Amino acid sequence: MVRKGFIAQLQMIDVLRKQNQIWLIDSAYAGDSFVTVISCYAPTMINTDTVKETFYEDLNSLCRTVDRKDKLIILGEFNARVGKDLITWPRVLGHHGTEKCNSNGLLLFTLCYLSTS
């Protein structure tokens, strides 16, 4: 959920295409604060593990370039099923997961876990 008026206050600074599946949008917010939006499309389950792992390594590297004091929003289609394992992933999974976690879900959880540490 995005706070009312938040989007209206963004001023786009730059749009960078990192690769076919990852875009980075830098924006200024309320003068001196910055918001980075990453829009991405993860490889589907039919791709090799190498392709999927490379995507998440690139995404993680990009996330680490964002200053910790700035806001980071990641949007996209992750082609992942995250399951309901709140015990293993307490800091990254909410109460609305469905089915069982697949390999793409595990890669997404790992990215989220690394981003919170």
PDB file of N, CA and C in Angstrom:
ATOM      1  N   MET A   1       0.833  -1.156   0.000  1.00  0.00           N
ATOM      2  CA  MET A   1       0.000   0.000   0.000  1.00  0.00           C
ATOM      3  C   MET A   1       0.892   1.239   0.000  1.00  0.00           C
ATOM      4  N   VAL A   2       0.610   2.172  -0.872  1.00  0.00           N
ATOM      5  CA  VAL A   2       1.377   3.405  -0.981  1.00  0.00           C
ATOM      6  C   VAL A   2       0.569   4.535  -0.372  1.00  0.00           C
ATOM      7  N   ARG A   3       1.227   5.305   0.489  1.00  0.00           N
ATOM      8  CA  ARG A   3       0.581   6.424   1.144  1.00  0.00           C
ATOM      9  C   ARG A   3       0.037   7.419   0.125  1.00  0.00           C
ATOM     10  N   LYS A   4      -1.162   7.926   0.376  1.00  0.00           N
ATOM     11  CA  LYS A   4      -1.806   8.880  -0.525  1.00  0.00           C
ATOM     12  C   LYS A   4      -0.911  10.108  -0.709  1.00  0.00           C
ATOM     13  N   GLY A   5      -0.688  10.488  -1.931  1.00  0.00           N
ATOM     14  CA  GLY A   5       0.126  11.651  -2.240  1.00  0.00           C
ATOM     15  C   GLY A   5       1.600  11.351  -2.436  1.00  0.00           C
ATOM     16  N   PHE A   6       2.030  10.140  -2.088  1.00  0.00           N
ATOM     17  CA  PHE A   6       3.442   9.781  -2.206  1.00  0.00           C
ATOM     18  C   PHE A   6       3.928   9.871  -3.645  1.00  0.00           C
ATOM     19  N   ILE A   7       3.207   9.243  -4.553  1.00  0.00           N
ATOM     20  CA  ILE A   7       3.603   9.217  -5.961  1.00  0.00           C
ATOM     21  C   ILE A   7       3.635  10.621  -6.547  1.00  0.00           C
ATOM     22  N   ALA A   8       2.689  11.449  -6.169  1.00  0.00           N
ATOM     23  CA  ALA A   8       2.626  12.818  -6.693  1.00  0.00           C
ATOM     24  C   ALA A   8       3.848  13.636  -6.292  1.00  0.00           C
ATOM     25  N   GLN A   9       4.513  13.262  -5.202  1.00  0.00           N
ATOM     26  CA  GLN A   9       5.663  14.019  -4.726  1.00  0.00           C
ATOM     27  C   GLN A   9       6.984  13.551  -5.316  1.00  0.00           C
ATOM     28  N   LEU A  10       6.956  12.485  -6.088  1.00  0.00           N
ATOM     29  CA  LEU A  10       8.184  11.982  -6.692  1.00  0.00           C
ATOM     30  C   LEU A  10       8.581  12.805  -7.908  1.00  0.00           C
ATOM     31  N   GLN A  11       9.859  13.072  -8.035  1.00  0.00           N
ATOM     32  CA  GLN A  11      10.402  13.722  -9.225  1.00  0.00           C
ATOM     33  C   GLN A  11      11.423  12.766  -9.822  1.00  0.00           C
ATOM     34  N   MET A  12      11.157  12.287 -11.036  1.00  0.00           N
ATOM     35  CA  MET A  12      12.051  11.320 -11.647  1.00  0.00           C
ATOM     36  C   MET A  12      13.382  11.982 -11.995  1.00  0.00           C
ATOM     37  N   ILE A  13      14.458  11.314 -11.625  1.00  0.00           N
ATOM     38  CA  ILE A  13      15.804  11.796 -11.912  1.00  0.00           C
ATOM     39  C   ILE A  13      16.394  11.040 -13.093  1.00  0.00           C
ATOM     40  N   ASP A  14      16.262   9.717 -13.075  1.00  0.00           N
ATOM     41  CA  ASP A  14      16.913   8.928 -14.116  1.00  0.00           C
ATOM     42  C   ASP A  14      16.259   7.550 -14.211  1.00  0.00           C
ATOM     43  N   VAL A  15      16.282   6.989 -15.399  1.00  0.00           N
ATOM     44  CA  VAL A  15      15.837   5.617 -15.612  1.00  0.00           C
ATOM     45  C   VAL A  15      16.986   4.879 -16.279  1.00  0.00           C
ATOM     46  N   LEU A  16      17.403   3.791 -15.659  1.00  0.00           N
ATOM     47  CA  LEU A  16      18.525   3.018 -16.183  1.00  0.00           C
ATOM     48  C   LEU A  16      18.077   1.593 -16.451  1.00  0.00           C
ATOM     49  N   ARG A  17      18.366   1.094 -17.617  1.00  0.00           N
ATOM     50  CA  ARG A  17      18.067  -0.295 -17.932  1.00  0.00           C
ATOM     51  C   ARG A  17      19.314  -1.099 -17.593  1.00  0.00           C
ATOM     52  N   LYS A  18      19.211  -1.927 -16.580  1.00  0.00           N
ATOM     53  CA  LYS A  18      20.367  -2.704 -16.141  1.00  0.00           C
ATOM     54  C   LYS A  18      20.577  -3.944 -16.993  1.00  0.00           C
ATOM     55  N   GLN A  19      19.506  -4.528 -17.425  1.00  0.00           N
ATOM     56  CA  GLN A  19      19.524  -5.667 -18.335  1.00  0.00           C
ATOM     57  C   GLN A  19      18.098  -5.838 -18.827  1.00  0.00           C
ATOM     58  N   ASN A  20      17.869  -6.800 -19.673  1.00  0.00           N
ATOM     59  CA  ASN A  20      16.531  -6.971 -20.226  1.00  0.00           C
ATOM     60  C   ASN A  20      15.461  -7.110 -19.166  1.00  0.00           C
ATOM     61  N   GLN A  21      15.808  -7.643 -18.003  1.00  0.00           N
ATOM     62  CA  GLN A  21      14.797  -7.951 -17.007  1.00  0.00           C
ATOM     63  C   GLN A  21      14.805  -7.032 -15.793  1.00  0.00           C
ATOM     64  N   ILE A  22      15.726  -6.079 -15.713  1.00  0.00           N
ATOM     65  CA  ILE A  22      15.808  -5.219 -14.535  1.00  0.00           C
ATOM     66  C   ILE A  22      15.937  -3.756 -14.965  1.00  0.00           C
ATOM     67  N   TRP A  23      15.052  -2.921 -14.412  1.00  0.00           N
ATOM     68  CA  TRP A  23      15.096  -1.484 -14.644  1.00  0.00           C
ATOM     69  C   TRP A  23      15.237  -0.790 -13.298  1.00  0.00           C
ATOM     70  N   LEU A  24      15.997   0.296 -13.248  1.00  0.00           N
ATOM     71  CA  LEU A  24      16.167   1.074 -12.033  1.00  0.00           C
ATOM     72  C   LEU A  24      15.696   2.493 -12.300  1.00  0.00           C
ATOM     73  N   ILE A  25      14.859   3.011 -11.419  1.00  0.00           N
ATOM     74  CA  ILE A  25      14.335   4.368 -11.557  1.00  0.00           C
ATOM     75  C   ILE A  25      14.729   5.144 -10.306  1.00  0.00           C
ATOM     76  N   ASP A  26      15.529   6.177 -10.458  1.00  0.00           N
ATOM     77  CA  ASP A  26      15.899   7.035  -9.329  1.00  0.00           C
ATOM     78  C   ASP A  26      14.967   8.222  -9.292  1.00  0.00           C
ATOM     79  N   SER A  27      14.483   8.538  -8.098  1.00  0.00           N
ATOM     80  CA  SER A  27      13.568   9.662  -7.933  1.00  0.00           C
ATOM     81  C   SER A  27      13.909  10.432  -6.683  1.00  0.00           C
ATOM     82  N   ALA A  28      13.645  11.722  -6.717  1.00  0.00           N
ATOM     83  CA  ALA A  28      13.764  12.550  -5.522  1.00  0.00           C
ATOM     84  C   ALA A  28      12.396  12.624  -4.869  1.00  0.00           C
ATOM     85  N   TYR A  29      12.373  12.677  -3.562  1.00  0.00           N
ATOM     86  CA  TYR A  29      11.119  12.740  -2.816  1.00  0.00           C
ATOM     87  C   TYR A  29      11.276  13.787  -1.729  1.00  0.00           C
ATOM     88  N   ALA A  30      10.375  14.723  -1.693  1.00  0.00           N
ATOM     89  CA  ALA A  30      10.347  15.751  -0.653  1.00  0.00           C
ATOM     90  C   ALA A  30      11.693  16.459  -0.522  1.00  0.00           C
ATOM     91  N   GLY A  31      12.293  16.775  -1.647  1.00  0.00           N
ATOM     92  CA  GLY A  31      13.500  17.585  -1.637  1.00  0.00           C
ATOM     93  C   GLY A  31      14.798  16.832  -1.456  1.00  0.00           C
ATOM     94  N   ASP A  32      15.084  16.366  -0.235  1.00  0.00           N
ATOM     95  CA  ASP A  32      16.391  15.777   0.024  1.00  0.00           C
ATOM     96  C   ASP A  32      16.357  14.265   0.248  1.00  0.00           C
ATOM     97  N   SER A  33      15.208  13.669   0.210  1.00  0.00           N
ATOM     98  CA  SER A  33      15.106  12.221   0.335  1.00  0.00           C
ATOM     99  C   SER A  33      15.045  11.596  -1.055  1.00  0.00           C
ATOM    100  N   PHE A  34      15.528  10.379  -1.163  1.00  0.00           N
ATOM    101  CA  PHE A  34      15.524   9.698  -2.450  1.00  0.00           C
ATOM    102  C   PHE A  34      14.803   8.364  -2.359  1.00  0.00           C
ATOM    103  N   VAL A  35      14.157   8.019  -3.443  1.00  0.00           N
ATOM    104  CA  VAL A  35      13.472   6.742  -3.575  1.00  0.00           C
ATOM    105  C   VAL A  35      14.025   6.078  -4.829  1.00  0.00           C
ATOM    106  N   THR A  36      14.422   4.832  -4.698  1.00  0.00           N
ATOM    107  CA  THR A  36      14.846   4.052  -5.854  1.00  0.00           C
ATOM    108  C   THR A  36      13.809   2.966  -6.069  1.00  0.00           C
ATOM    109  N   VAL A  37      13.304   2.892  -7.273  1.00  0.00           N
ATOM    110  CA  VAL A  37      12.341   1.870  -7.641  1.00  0.00           C
ATOM    111  C   VAL A  37      13.025   0.933  -8.624  1.00  0.00           C
ATOM    112  N   ILE A  38      12.991  -0.341  -8.314  1.00  0.00           N
ATOM    113  CA  ILE A  38      13.520  -1.345  -9.220  1.00  0.00           C
ATOM    114  C   ILE A  38      12.337  -2.150  -9.731  1.00  0.00           C
ATOM    115  N   SER A  39      12.208  -2.209 -11.025  1.00  0.00           N
ATOM    116  CA  SER A  39      11.162  -2.993 -11.667  1.00  0.00           C
ATOM    117  C   SER A  39      11.840  -4.158 -12.375  1.00  0.00           C
ATOM    118  N   CYS A  40      11.348  -5.361 -12.119  1.00  0.00           N
ATOM    119  CA  CYS A  40      12.048  -6.505 -12.697  1.00  0.00           C
ATOM    120  C   CYS A  40      11.093  -7.634 -13.067  1.00  0.00           C
ATOM    121  N   TYR A  41      11.592  -8.489 -13.907  1.00  0.00           N
ATOM    122  CA  TYR A  41      10.865  -9.683 -14.329  1.00  0.00           C
ATOM    123  C   TYR A  41      11.822 -10.860 -14.201  1.00  0.00           C
ATOM    124  N   ALA A  42      11.587 -11.706 -13.211  1.00  0.00           N
ATOM    125  CA  ALA A  42      12.490 -12.826 -12.934  1.00  0.00           C
ATOM    126  C   ALA A  42      12.315 -13.933 -13.968  1.00  0.00           C
ATOM    127  N   PRO A  43      13.362 -14.688 -14.209  1.00  0.00           N
ATOM    128  CA  PRO A  43      13.253 -15.837 -15.110  1.00  0.00           C
ATOM    129  C   PRO A  43      12.217 -16.839 -14.595  1.00  0.00           C
ATOM    130  N   THR A  44      11.554 -17.496 -15.496  1.00  0.00           N
ATOM    131  CA  THR A  44      10.550 -18.489 -15.123  1.00  0.00           C
ATOM    132  C   THR A  44      11.207 -19.806 -14.713  1.00  0.00           C
ATOM    133  N   MET A  45      10.405 -20.709 -14.240  1.00  0.00           N
ATOM    134  CA  MET A  45      10.904 -22.006 -13.760  1.00  0.00           C
ATOM    135  C   MET A  45      11.580 -22.831 -14.855  1.00  0.00           C
ATOM    136  N   ILE A  46      11.272 -22.587 -16.127  1.00  0.00           N
ATOM    137  CA  ILE A  46      11.874 -23.398 -17.195  1.00  0.00           C
ATOM    138  C   ILE A  46      13.314 -22.998 -17.507  1.00  0.00           C
ATOM    139  N   ASN A  47      13.764 -21.865 -16.958  1.00  0.00           N
ATOM    140  CA  ASN A  47      15.149 -21.439 -17.160  1.00  0.00           C
ATOM    141  C   ASN A  47      16.085 -22.282 -16.300  1.00  0.00           C
ATOM    142  N   THR A  48      17.350 -22.293 -16.697  1.00  0.00           N
ATOM    143  CA  THR A  48      18.342 -23.049 -15.931  1.00  0.00           C
ATOM    144  C   THR A  48      18.592 -22.368 -14.584  1.00  0.00           C
ATOM    145  N   ASP A  49      19.107 -23.136 -13.635  1.00  0.00           N
ATOM    146  CA  ASP A  49      19.457 -22.570 -12.329  1.00  0.00           C
ATOM    147  C   ASP A  49      20.473 -21.453 -12.487  1.00  0.00           C
ATOM    148  N   THR A  50      21.394 -21.598 -13.415  1.00  0.00           N
ATOM    149  CA  THR A  50      22.416 -20.576 -13.645  1.00  0.00           C
ATOM    150  C   THR A  50      21.783 -19.252 -14.059  1.00  0.00           C
ATOM    151  N   VAL A  51      20.818 -19.290 -14.964  1.00  0.00           N
ATOM    152  CA  VAL A  51      20.135 -18.069 -15.410  1.00  0.00           C
ATOM    153  C   VAL A  51      19.409 -17.417 -14.242  1.00  0.00           C
ATOM    154  N   LYS A  52      18.706 -18.214 -13.446  1.00  0.00           N
ATOM    155  CA  LYS A  52      17.954 -17.679 -12.313  1.00  0.00           C
ATOM    156  C   LYS A  52      18.892 -17.104 -11.247  1.00  0.00           C
ATOM    157  N   GLU A  53      19.957 -17.833 -10.941  1.00  0.00           N
ATOM    158  CA  GLU A  53      20.906 -17.360  -9.931  1.00  0.00           C
ATOM    159  C   GLU A  53      21.605 -16.084 -10.381  1.00  0.00           C
ATOM    160  N   THR A  54      21.944 -15.991 -11.658  1.00  0.00           N
ATOM    161  CA  THR A  54      22.571 -14.779 -12.189  1.00  0.00           C
ATOM    162  C   THR A  54      21.627 -13.584 -12.061  1.00  0.00           C
ATOM    163  N   PHE A  55      20.345 -13.784 -12.370  1.00  0.00           N
ATOM    164  CA  PHE A  55      19.356 -12.716 -12.217  1.00  0.00           C
ATOM    165  C   PHE A  55      19.341 -12.204 -10.780  1.00  0.00           C
ATOM    166  N   TYR A  56      19.254 -13.098  -9.810  1.00  0.00           N
ATOM    167  CA  TYR A  56      19.175 -12.685  -8.409  1.00  0.00           C
ATOM    168  C   TYR A  56      20.484 -12.093  -7.911  1.00  0.00           C
ATOM    169  N   GLU A  57      21.615 -12.556  -8.409  1.00  0.00           N
ATOM    170  CA  GLU A  57      22.901 -11.945  -8.061  1.00  0.00           C
ATOM    171  C   GLU A  57      22.954 -10.513  -8.585  1.00  0.00           C
ATOM    172  N   ASP A  58      22.507 -10.304  -9.832  1.00  0.00           N
ATOM    173  CA  ASP A  58      22.475  -8.954 -10.400  1.00  0.00           C
ATOM    174  C   ASP A  58      21.530  -8.056  -9.621  1.00  0.00           C
ATOM    175  N   LEU A  59      20.365  -8.577  -9.270  1.00  0.00           N
ATOM    176  CA  LEU A  59      19.381  -7.797  -8.509  1.00  0.00           C
ATOM    177  C   LEU A  59      19.922  -7.453  -7.127  1.00  0.00           C
ATOM    178  N   ASN A  60      20.561  -8.407  -6.468  1.00  0.00           N
ATOM    179  CA  ASN A  60      21.149  -8.150  -5.156  1.00  0.00           C
ATOM    180  C   ASN A  60      22.248  -7.092  -5.247  1.00  0.00           C
ATOM    181  N   SER A  61      23.092  -7.187  -6.260  1.00  0.00           N
ATOM    182  CA  SER A  61      24.155  -6.192  -6.444  1.00  0.00           C
ATOM    183  C   SER A  61      23.566  -4.806  -6.643  1.00  0.00           C
ATOM    184  N   LEU A  62      22.512  -4.723  -7.416  1.00  0.00           N
ATOM    185  CA  LEU A  62      21.858  -3.443  -7.656  1.00  0.00           C
ATOM    186  C   LEU A  62      21.237  -2.895  -6.369  1.00  0.00           C
ATOM    187  N   CYS A  63      20.601  -3.745  -5.597  1.00  0.00           N
ATOM    188  CA  CYS A  63      20.003  -3.311  -4.326  1.00  0.00           C
ATOM    189  C   CYS A  63      21.064  -2.755  -3.390  1.00  0.00           C
ATOM    190  N   ARG A  64      22.238  -3.337  -3.392  1.00  0.00           N
ATOM    191  CA  ARG A  64      23.310  -2.890  -2.498  1.00  0.00           C
ATOM    192  C   ARG A  64      23.890  -1.534  -2.896  1.00  0.00           C
ATOM    193  N   THR A  65      23.592  -1.064  -4.108  1.00  0.00           N
ATOM    194  CA  THR A  65      24.076   0.259  -4.517  1.00  0.00           C
ATOM    195  C   THR A  65      23.204   1.380  -3.963  1.00  0.00           C
ATOM    196  N   VAL A  66      22.030   1.046  -3.449  1.00  0.00           N
ATOM    197  CA  VAL A  66      21.119   2.049  -2.912  1.00  0.00           C
ATOM    198  C   VAL A  66      21.547   2.399  -1.494  1.00  0.00           C
ATOM    199  N   ASP A  67      21.696   3.684  -1.237  1.00  0.00           N
ATOM    200  CA  ASP A  67      22.087   4.162   0.086  1.00  0.00           C
ATOM    201  C   ASP A  67      21.066   3.705   1.121  1.00  0.00           C
ATOM    202  N   ARG A  68      21.516   3.223   2.263  1.00  0.00           N
ATOM    203  CA  ARG A  68      20.626   2.688   3.305  1.00  0.00           C
ATOM    204  C   ARG A  68      19.632   3.716   3.828  1.00  0.00           C
ATOM    205  N   LYS A  69      19.961   4.997   3.745  1.00  0.00           N
ATOM    206  CA  LYS A  69      19.031   6.015   4.243  1.00  0.00           C
ATOM    207  C   LYS A  69      17.919   6.328   3.237  1.00  0.00           C
ATOM    208  N   ASP A  70      18.073   5.861   2.014  1.00  0.00           N
ATOM    209  CA  ASP A  70      17.052   6.073   0.990  1.00  0.00           C
ATOM    210  C   ASP A  70      16.025   4.949   1.021  1.00  0.00           C
ATOM    211  N   LYS A  71      14.898   5.202   0.410  1.00  0.00           N
ATOM    212  CA  LYS A  71      13.847   4.182   0.293  1.00  0.00           C
ATOM    213  C   LYS A  71      14.119   3.326  -0.933  1.00  0.00           C
ATOM    214  N   LEU A  72      13.857   2.045  -0.821  1.00  0.00           N
ATOM    215  CA  LEU A  72      14.008   1.118  -1.932  1.00  0.00           C
ATOM    216  C   LEU A  72      12.693   0.372  -2.111  1.00  0.00           C
ATOM    217  N   ILE A  73      12.155   0.441  -3.311  1.00  0.00           N
ATOM    218  CA  ILE A  73      10.922  -0.269  -3.644  1.00  0.00           C
ATOM    219  C   ILE A  73      11.256  -1.205  -4.798  1.00  0.00           C
ATOM    220  N   ILE A  74      10.972  -2.501  -4.608  1.00  0.00           N
ATOM    221  CA  ILE A  74      11.203  -3.480  -5.670  1.00  0.00           C
ATOM    222  C   ILE A  74       9.848  -4.006  -6.111  1.00  0.00           C
ATOM    223  N   LEU A  75       9.561  -3.817  -7.380  1.00  0.00           N
ATOM    224  CA  LEU A  75       8.306  -4.273  -7.972  1.00  0.00           C
ATOM    225  C   LEU A  75       8.621  -5.293  -9.048  1.00  0.00           C
ATOM    226  N   GLY A  76       7.743  -6.228  -9.259  1.00  0.00           N
ATOM    227  CA  GLY A  76       7.991  -7.125 -10.370  1.00  0.00           C
ATOM    228  C   GLY A  76       7.229  -8.425 -10.301  1.00  0.00           C
ATOM    229  N   GLU A  77       7.495  -9.220 -11.294  1.00  0.00           N
ATOM    230  CA  GLU A  77       6.963 -10.577 -11.389  1.00  0.00           C
ATOM    231  C   GLU A  77       8.127 -11.504 -11.090  1.00  0.00           C
ATOM    232  N   PHE A  78       8.057 -12.175  -9.961  1.00  0.00           N
ATOM    233  CA  PHE A  78       9.166 -13.015  -9.537  1.00  0.00           C
ATOM    234  C   PHE A  78       8.969 -14.490  -9.885  1.00  0.00           C
ATOM    235  N   ASN A  79       7.821 -14.831 -10.462  1.00  0.00           N
ATOM    236  CA  ASN A  79       7.551 -16.221 -10.848  1.00  0.00           C
ATOM    237  C   ASN A  79       7.877 -17.175  -9.703  1.00  0.00           C
ATOM    238  N   ALA A  80       7.455 -16.776  -8.498  1.00  0.00           N
ATOM    239  CA  ALA A  80       7.806 -17.525  -7.304  1.00  0.00           C
ATOM    240  C   ALA A  80       6.575 -17.918  -6.503  1.00  0.00           C
ATOM    241  N   ARG A  81       6.664 -19.058  -5.885  1.00  0.00           N
ATOM    242  CA  ARG A  81       5.682 -19.467  -4.875  1.00  0.00           C
ATOM    243  C   ARG A  81       6.436 -19.473  -3.559  1.00  0.00           C
ATOM    244  N   VAL A  82       5.882 -18.803  -2.580  1.00  0.00           N
ATOM    245  CA  VAL A  82       6.625 -18.598  -1.345  1.00  0.00           C
ATOM    246  C   VAL A  82       6.203 -19.506  -0.196  1.00  0.00           C
ATOM    247  N   GLY A  83       5.096 -20.186  -0.314  1.00  0.00           N
ATOM    248  CA  GLY A  83       4.681 -21.100   0.742  1.00  0.00           C
ATOM    249  C   GLY A  83       4.230 -20.379   2.000  1.00  0.00           C
ATOM    250  N   LYS A  84       4.263 -21.120   3.126  1.00  0.00           N
ATOM    251  CA  LYS A  84       3.744 -20.589   4.398  1.00  0.00           C
ATOM    252  C   LYS A  84       4.710 -20.786   5.554  1.00  0.00           C
ATOM    253  N   ASP A  85       5.981 -20.998   5.291  1.00  0.00           N
ATOM    254  CA  ASP A  85       6.943 -21.331   6.338  1.00  0.00           C
ATOM    255  C   ASP A  85       7.404 -20.084   7.096  1.00  0.00           C
ATOM    256  N   LEU A  86       6.583 -19.645   8.034  1.00  0.00           N
ATOM    257  CA  LEU A  86       6.907 -18.456   8.822  1.00  0.00           C
ATOM    258  C   LEU A  86       8.059 -18.680   9.791  1.00  0.00           C
ATOM    259  N   ILE A  87       8.313 -19.922  10.152  1.00  0.00           N
ATOM    260  CA  ILE A  87       9.380 -20.220  11.109  1.00  0.00           C
ATOM    261  C   ILE A  87      10.750 -20.002  10.467  1.00  0.00           C
ATOM    262  N   THR A  88      10.919 -20.480   9.236  1.00  0.00           N
ATOM    263  CA  THR A  88      12.206 -20.338   8.547  1.00  0.00           C
ATOM    264  C   THR A  88      12.444 -18.900   8.080  1.00  0.00           C
ATOM    265  N   TRP A  89      11.370 -18.207   7.653  1.00  0.00           N
ATOM    266  CA  TRP A  89      11.508 -16.878   7.057  1.00  0.00           C
ATOM    267  C   TRP A  89      10.698 -15.822   7.837  1.00  0.00           C
ATOM    268  N   PRO A  90      10.929 -15.660   9.134  1.00  0.00           N
ATOM    269  CA  PRO A  90      10.075 -14.767   9.923  1.00  0.00           C
ATOM    270  C   PRO A  90      10.183 -13.292   9.548  1.00  0.00           C
ATOM    271  N   ARG A  91      11.310 -12.847   9.045  1.00  0.00           N
ATOM    272  CA  ARG A  91      11.490 -11.426   8.729  1.00  0.00           C
ATOM    273  C   ARG A  91      11.124 -11.071   7.293  1.00  0.00           C
ATOM    274  N   VAL A  92      10.830 -12.084   6.476  1.00  0.00           N
ATOM    275  CA  VAL A  92      10.580 -11.789   5.062  1.00  0.00           C
ATOM    276  C   VAL A  92       9.253 -12.313   4.525  1.00  0.00           C
ATOM    277  N   LEU A  93       8.551 -13.133   5.294  1.00  0.00           N
ATOM    278  CA  LEU A  93       7.297 -13.701   4.810  1.00  0.00           C
ATOM    279  C   LEU A  93       6.145 -13.269   5.697  1.00  0.00           C
ATOM    280  N   GLY A  94       5.088 -12.790   5.079  1.00  0.00           N
ATOM    281  CA  GLY A  94       3.887 -12.425   5.818  1.00  0.00           C
ATOM    282  C   GLY A  94       2.998 -13.648   6.007  1.00  0.00           C
ATOM    283  N   HIS A  95       1.787 -13.430   6.435  1.00  0.00           N
ATOM    284  CA  HIS A  95       0.867 -14.512   6.762  1.00  0.00           C
ATOM    285  C   HIS A  95      -0.012 -14.940   5.586  1.00  0.00           C
ATOM    286  N   HIS A  96       0.301 -14.505   4.381  1.00  0.00           N
ATOM    287  CA  HIS A  96      -0.594 -14.772   3.259  1.00  0.00           C
ATOM    288  C   HIS A  96       0.028 -15.632   2.166  1.00  0.00           C
ATOM    289  N   GLY A  97       1.078 -16.361   2.477  1.00  0.00           N
ATOM    290  CA  GLY A  97       1.682 -17.253   1.495  1.00  0.00           C
ATOM    291  C   GLY A  97       0.749 -18.414   1.175  1.00  0.00           C
ATOM    292  N   THR A  98       0.928 -18.981   0.007  1.00  0.00           N
ATOM    293  CA  THR A  98       0.108 -20.119  -0.386  1.00  0.00           C
ATOM    294  C   THR A  98       0.985 -21.227  -0.932  1.00  0.00           C
ATOM    295  N   GLU A  99       0.477 -22.414  -0.894  1.00  0.00           N
ATOM    296  CA  GLU A  99       1.123 -23.591  -1.462  1.00  0.00           C
ATOM    297  C   GLU A  99       2.513 -23.799  -0.863  1.00  0.00           C
ATOM    298  N   LYS A 100       3.342 -24.523  -1.579  1.00  0.00           N
ATOM    299  CA  LYS A 100       4.704 -24.786  -1.112  1.00  0.00           C
ATOM    300  C   LYS A 100       5.681 -23.883  -1.840  1.00  0.00           C
ATOM    301  N   CYS A 101       6.785 -23.595  -1.191  1.00  0.00           N
ATOM    302  CA  CYS A 101       7.832 -22.759  -1.769  1.00  0.00           C
ATOM    303  C   CYS A 101       8.497 -23.516  -2.916  1.00  0.00           C
ATOM    304  N   ASN A 102       8.706 -22.834  -4.055  1.00  0.00           N
ATOM    305  CA  ASN A 102       9.454 -23.444  -5.154  1.00  0.00           C
ATOM    306  C   ASN A 102      10.862 -22.842  -5.193  1.00  0.00           C
ATOM    307  N   SER A 103      11.674 -23.270  -6.141  1.00  0.00           N
ATOM    308  CA  SER A 103      13.068 -22.802  -6.190  1.00  0.00           C
ATOM    309  C   SER A 103      13.156 -21.299  -6.432  1.00  0.00           C
ATOM    310  N   ASN A 104      12.239 -20.741  -7.207  1.00  0.00           N
ATOM    311  CA  ASN A 104      12.227 -19.284  -7.395  1.00  0.00           C
ATOM    312  C   ASN A 104      11.859 -18.573  -6.100  1.00  0.00           C
ATOM    313  N   GLY A 105      10.954 -19.167  -5.319  1.00  0.00           N
ATOM    314  CA  GLY A 105      10.598 -18.604  -4.022  1.00  0.00           C
ATOM    315  C   GLY A 105      11.790 -18.580  -3.087  1.00  0.00           C
ATOM    316  N   LEU A 106      12.582 -19.639  -3.100  1.00  0.00           N
ATOM    317  CA  LEU A 106      13.775 -19.699  -2.265  1.00  0.00           C
ATOM    318  C   LEU A 106      14.779 -18.616  -2.661  1.00  0.00           C
ATOM    319  N   LEU A 107      14.950 -18.393  -3.949  1.00  0.00           N
ATOM    320  CA  LEU A 107      15.851 -17.334  -4.414  1.00  0.00           C
ATOM    321  C   LEU A 107      15.337 -15.959  -3.988  1.00  0.00           C
ATOM    322  N   LEU A 108      14.025 -15.746  -4.078  1.00  0.00           N
ATOM    323  CA  LEU A 108      13.432 -14.479  -3.651  1.00  0.00           C
ATOM    324  C   LEU A 108      13.609 -14.280  -2.151  1.00  0.00           C
ATOM    325  N   PHE A 109      13.359 -15.312  -1.353  1.00  0.00           N
ATOM    326  CA  PHE A 109      13.560 -15.215   0.093  1.00  0.00           C
ATOM    327  C   PHE A 109      15.001 -14.883   0.434  1.00  0.00           C
ATOM    328  N   THR A 110      15.926 -15.516  -0.249  1.00  0.00           N
ATOM    329  CA  THR A 110      17.346 -15.258   0.009  1.00  0.00           C
ATOM    330  C   THR A 110      17.680 -13.800  -0.275  1.00  0.00           C
ATOM    331  N   LEU A 111      17.172 -13.273  -1.385  1.00  0.00           N
ATOM    332  CA  LEU A 111      17.390 -11.856  -1.702  1.00  0.00           C
ATOM    333  C   LEU A 111      16.825 -10.970  -0.598  1.00  0.00           C
ATOM    334  N   CYS A 112      15.600 -11.246  -0.177  1.00  0.00           N
ATOM    335  CA  CYS A 112      14.962 -10.435   0.867  1.00  0.00           C
ATOM    336  C   CYS A 112      15.723 -10.532   2.180  1.00  0.00           C
ATOM    337  N   TYR A 113      16.154 -11.720   2.535  1.00  0.00           N
ATOM    338  CA  TYR A 113      16.907 -11.917   3.785  1.00  0.00           C
ATOM    339  C   TYR A 113      18.221 -11.141   3.755  1.00  0.00           C
ATOM    340  N   LEU A 114      18.928 -11.230   2.623  1.00  0.00           N
ATOM    341  CA  LEU A 114      20.201 -10.512   2.500  1.00  0.00           C
ATOM    342  C   LEU A 114      19.983  -9.003   2.559  1.00  0.00           C
ATOM    343  N   SER A 115      18.856  -8.538   2.038  1.00  0.00           N
ATOM    344  CA  SER A 115      18.565  -7.100   2.027  1.00  0.00           C
ATOM    345  C   SER A 115      18.211  -6.572   3.412  1.00  0.00           C
ATOM    346  N   THR A 116      17.767  -7.443   4.301  1.00  0.00           N
ATOM    347  CA  THR A 116      17.408  -6.993   5.640  1.00  0.00           C
ATOM    348  C   THR A 116      18.553  -7.115   6.622  1.00  0.00           C
ATOM    349  N   SER A 117      19.656  -7.723   6.211  1.00  0.00           N
ATOM    350  CA  SER A 117      20.780  -7.899   7.141  1.00  0.00           C
ATOM    351  C   SER A 117      21.848  -6.852   6.938  1.00  0.00           C
TER     352      SER A 117
END
